[in-house]
Amino acid sequence: MSTRDAIHVLILSPIYFRLTVRQRLQLVKEYCQAINACSSGNAASSK
């Protein structure tokens, strides 16, 4: 998932705008890592 896609998803959360810019950046990074880990885990398990 790209950073832009992650922001589009996270921006729907009411808590997103209560975070500082630094916290938002960290949230986006962690979200992308989690989604990418799930995606690669699903791909590996389906083989």
N, C-alpha and C. Protein backbone atom coordinates (compact mmCIF):
# COMPACT_ATOMS: atom_id res chain seq x y z
N MET A 1 0.85 -1.17 0.00
CA MET A 1 0.00 0.00 0.00
C MET A 1 0.89 1.23 0.00
N SER A 2 0.52 2.19 -0.81
CA SER A 2 1.30 3.42 -0.88
C SER A 2 0.94 4.34 0.29
N THR A 3 1.81 5.29 0.53
CA THR A 3 1.57 6.28 1.60
C THR A 3 0.29 7.06 1.31
N ARG A 4 0.09 7.41 0.07
CA ARG A 4 -1.11 8.17 -0.31
C ARG A 4 -2.38 7.36 -0.03
N ASP A 5 -2.37 6.07 -0.36
CA ASP A 5 -3.53 5.21 -0.08
C ASP A 5 -3.79 5.10 1.42
N ALA A 6 -2.72 4.97 2.19
CA ALA A 6 -2.86 4.86 3.64
C ALA A 6 -3.48 6.12 4.23
N ILE A 7 -3.05 7.28 3.74
CA ILE A 7 -3.60 8.54 4.24
C ILE A 7 -5.07 8.64 3.89
N HIS A 8 -5.45 8.19 2.70
CA HIS A 8 -6.87 8.23 2.32
C HIS A 8 -7.73 7.38 3.26
N VAL A 9 -7.19 6.27 3.71
CA VAL A 9 -7.93 5.42 4.65
C VAL A 9 -7.94 6.04 6.05
N LEU A 10 -6.78 6.46 6.51
CA LEU A 10 -6.66 6.97 7.88
C LEU A 10 -7.37 8.30 8.08
N ILE A 11 -7.51 9.08 7.04
CA ILE A 11 -8.15 10.39 7.15
C ILE A 11 -9.64 10.25 7.53
N LEU A 12 -10.19 9.08 7.32
CA LEU A 12 -11.59 8.83 7.68
C LEU A 12 -11.78 8.67 9.18
N SER A 13 -10.68 8.46 9.90
CA SER A 13 -10.76 8.29 11.34
C SER A 13 -10.81 9.64 12.04
N PRO A 14 -11.72 9.81 12.99
CA PRO A 14 -11.81 11.09 13.71
C PRO A 14 -10.55 11.38 14.54
N ILE A 15 -9.83 10.36 14.93
CA ILE A 15 -8.63 10.57 15.75
C ILE A 15 -7.47 11.11 14.94
N TYR A 16 -7.48 10.90 13.64
CA TYR A 16 -6.36 11.30 12.77
C TYR A 16 -6.03 12.78 12.93
N PHE A 17 -7.03 13.62 12.98
CA PHE A 17 -6.80 15.06 13.05
C PHE A 17 -6.47 15.55 14.45
N ARG A 18 -6.59 14.69 15.43
CA ARG A 18 -6.19 15.06 16.80
C ARG A 18 -4.71 14.79 17.03
N LEU A 19 -4.07 14.09 16.12
CA LEU A 19 -2.65 13.77 16.25
C LEU A 19 -1.80 14.91 15.71
N THR A 20 -0.59 15.00 16.23
CA THR A 20 0.35 15.97 15.68
C THR A 20 0.85 15.44 14.33
N VAL A 21 1.50 16.29 13.57
CA VAL A 21 2.02 15.87 12.27
C VAL A 21 3.01 14.73 12.43
N ARG A 22 3.84 14.81 13.44
CA ARG A 22 4.83 13.75 13.71
C ARG A 22 4.13 12.43 14.03
N GLN A 23 3.07 12.50 14.83
CA GLN A 23 2.31 11.29 15.19
C GLN A 23 1.60 10.71 13.97
N ARG A 24 1.09 11.58 13.11
CA ARG A 24 0.43 11.12 11.88
C ARG A 24 1.41 10.38 10.99
N LEU A 25 2.60 10.92 10.85
CA LEU A 25 3.62 10.28 10.03
C LEU A 25 3.94 8.89 10.57
N GLN A 26 4.10 8.80 11.87
CA GLN A 26 4.38 7.51 12.50
C GLN A 26 3.22 6.54 12.28
N LEU A 27 2.00 7.02 12.42
CA LEU A 27 0.82 6.19 12.21
C LEU A 27 0.77 5.67 10.78
N VAL A 28 1.03 6.52 9.81
CA VAL A 28 1.01 6.12 8.41
C VAL A 28 2.06 5.06 8.15
N LYS A 29 3.27 5.26 8.68
CA LYS A 29 4.34 4.27 8.50
C LYS A 29 3.97 2.92 9.09
N GLU A 30 3.44 2.94 10.31
CA GLU A 30 3.06 1.69 10.97
C GLU A 30 1.91 1.01 10.25
N TYR A 31 0.96 1.80 9.77
CA TYR A 31 -0.19 1.25 9.05
C TYR A 31 0.27 0.57 7.76
N CYS A 32 1.14 1.23 7.02
CA CYS A 32 1.65 0.65 5.78
C CYS A 32 2.41 -0.64 6.05
N GLN A 33 3.23 -0.65 7.09
CA GLN A 33 3.98 -1.86 7.45
C GLN A 33 3.03 -3.00 7.81
N ALA A 34 2.00 -2.70 8.58
CA ALA A 34 1.04 -3.73 8.99
C ALA A 34 0.27 -4.28 7.80
N ILE A 35 -0.18 -3.40 6.93
CA ILE A 35 -0.95 -3.83 5.76
C ILE A 35 -0.07 -4.63 4.82
N ASN A 36 1.16 -4.16 4.59
CA ASN A 36 2.07 -4.88 3.70
C ASN A 36 2.47 -6.23 4.28
N ALA A 37 2.59 -6.33 5.60
CA ALA A 37 2.92 -7.60 6.23
C ALA A 37 1.75 -8.58 6.08
N CYS A 38 0.53 -8.07 6.22
CA CYS A 38 -0.64 -8.92 6.04
C CYS A 38 -0.77 -9.36 4.60
N SER A 39 -0.51 -8.48 3.70
CA SER A 39 -0.62 -8.80 2.27
C SER A 39 0.40 -9.86 1.88
N SER A 40 1.62 -9.71 2.34
CA SER A 40 2.65 -10.69 1.99
C SER A 40 2.41 -12.02 2.73
N GLY A 41 1.85 -11.95 3.91
CA GLY A 41 1.50 -13.16 4.65
C GLY A 41 0.39 -13.94 3.97
N ASN A 42 -0.60 -13.24 3.45
CA ASN A 42 -1.69 -13.90 2.73
C ASN A 42 -1.20 -14.49 1.43
N ALA A 43 -0.31 -13.82 0.75
CA ALA A 43 0.22 -14.33 -0.51
C ALA A 43 1.04 -15.60 -0.26
N ALA A 44 1.80 -15.61 0.83
CA ALA A 44 2.62 -16.77 1.14
C ALA A 44 1.76 -17.96 1.55
N SER A 45 0.69 -17.72 2.26
CA SER A 45 -0.16 -18.80 2.73
C SER A 45 -1.05 -19.37 1.62
N SER A 46 -1.25 -18.60 0.55
CA SER A 46 -2.11 -19.09 -0.53
C SER A 46 -1.36 -19.92 -1.54
N LYS A 47 -0.01 -19.95 -1.42
CA LYS A 47 0.79 -20.75 -2.38
C LYS A 47 0.73 -22.21 -2.07
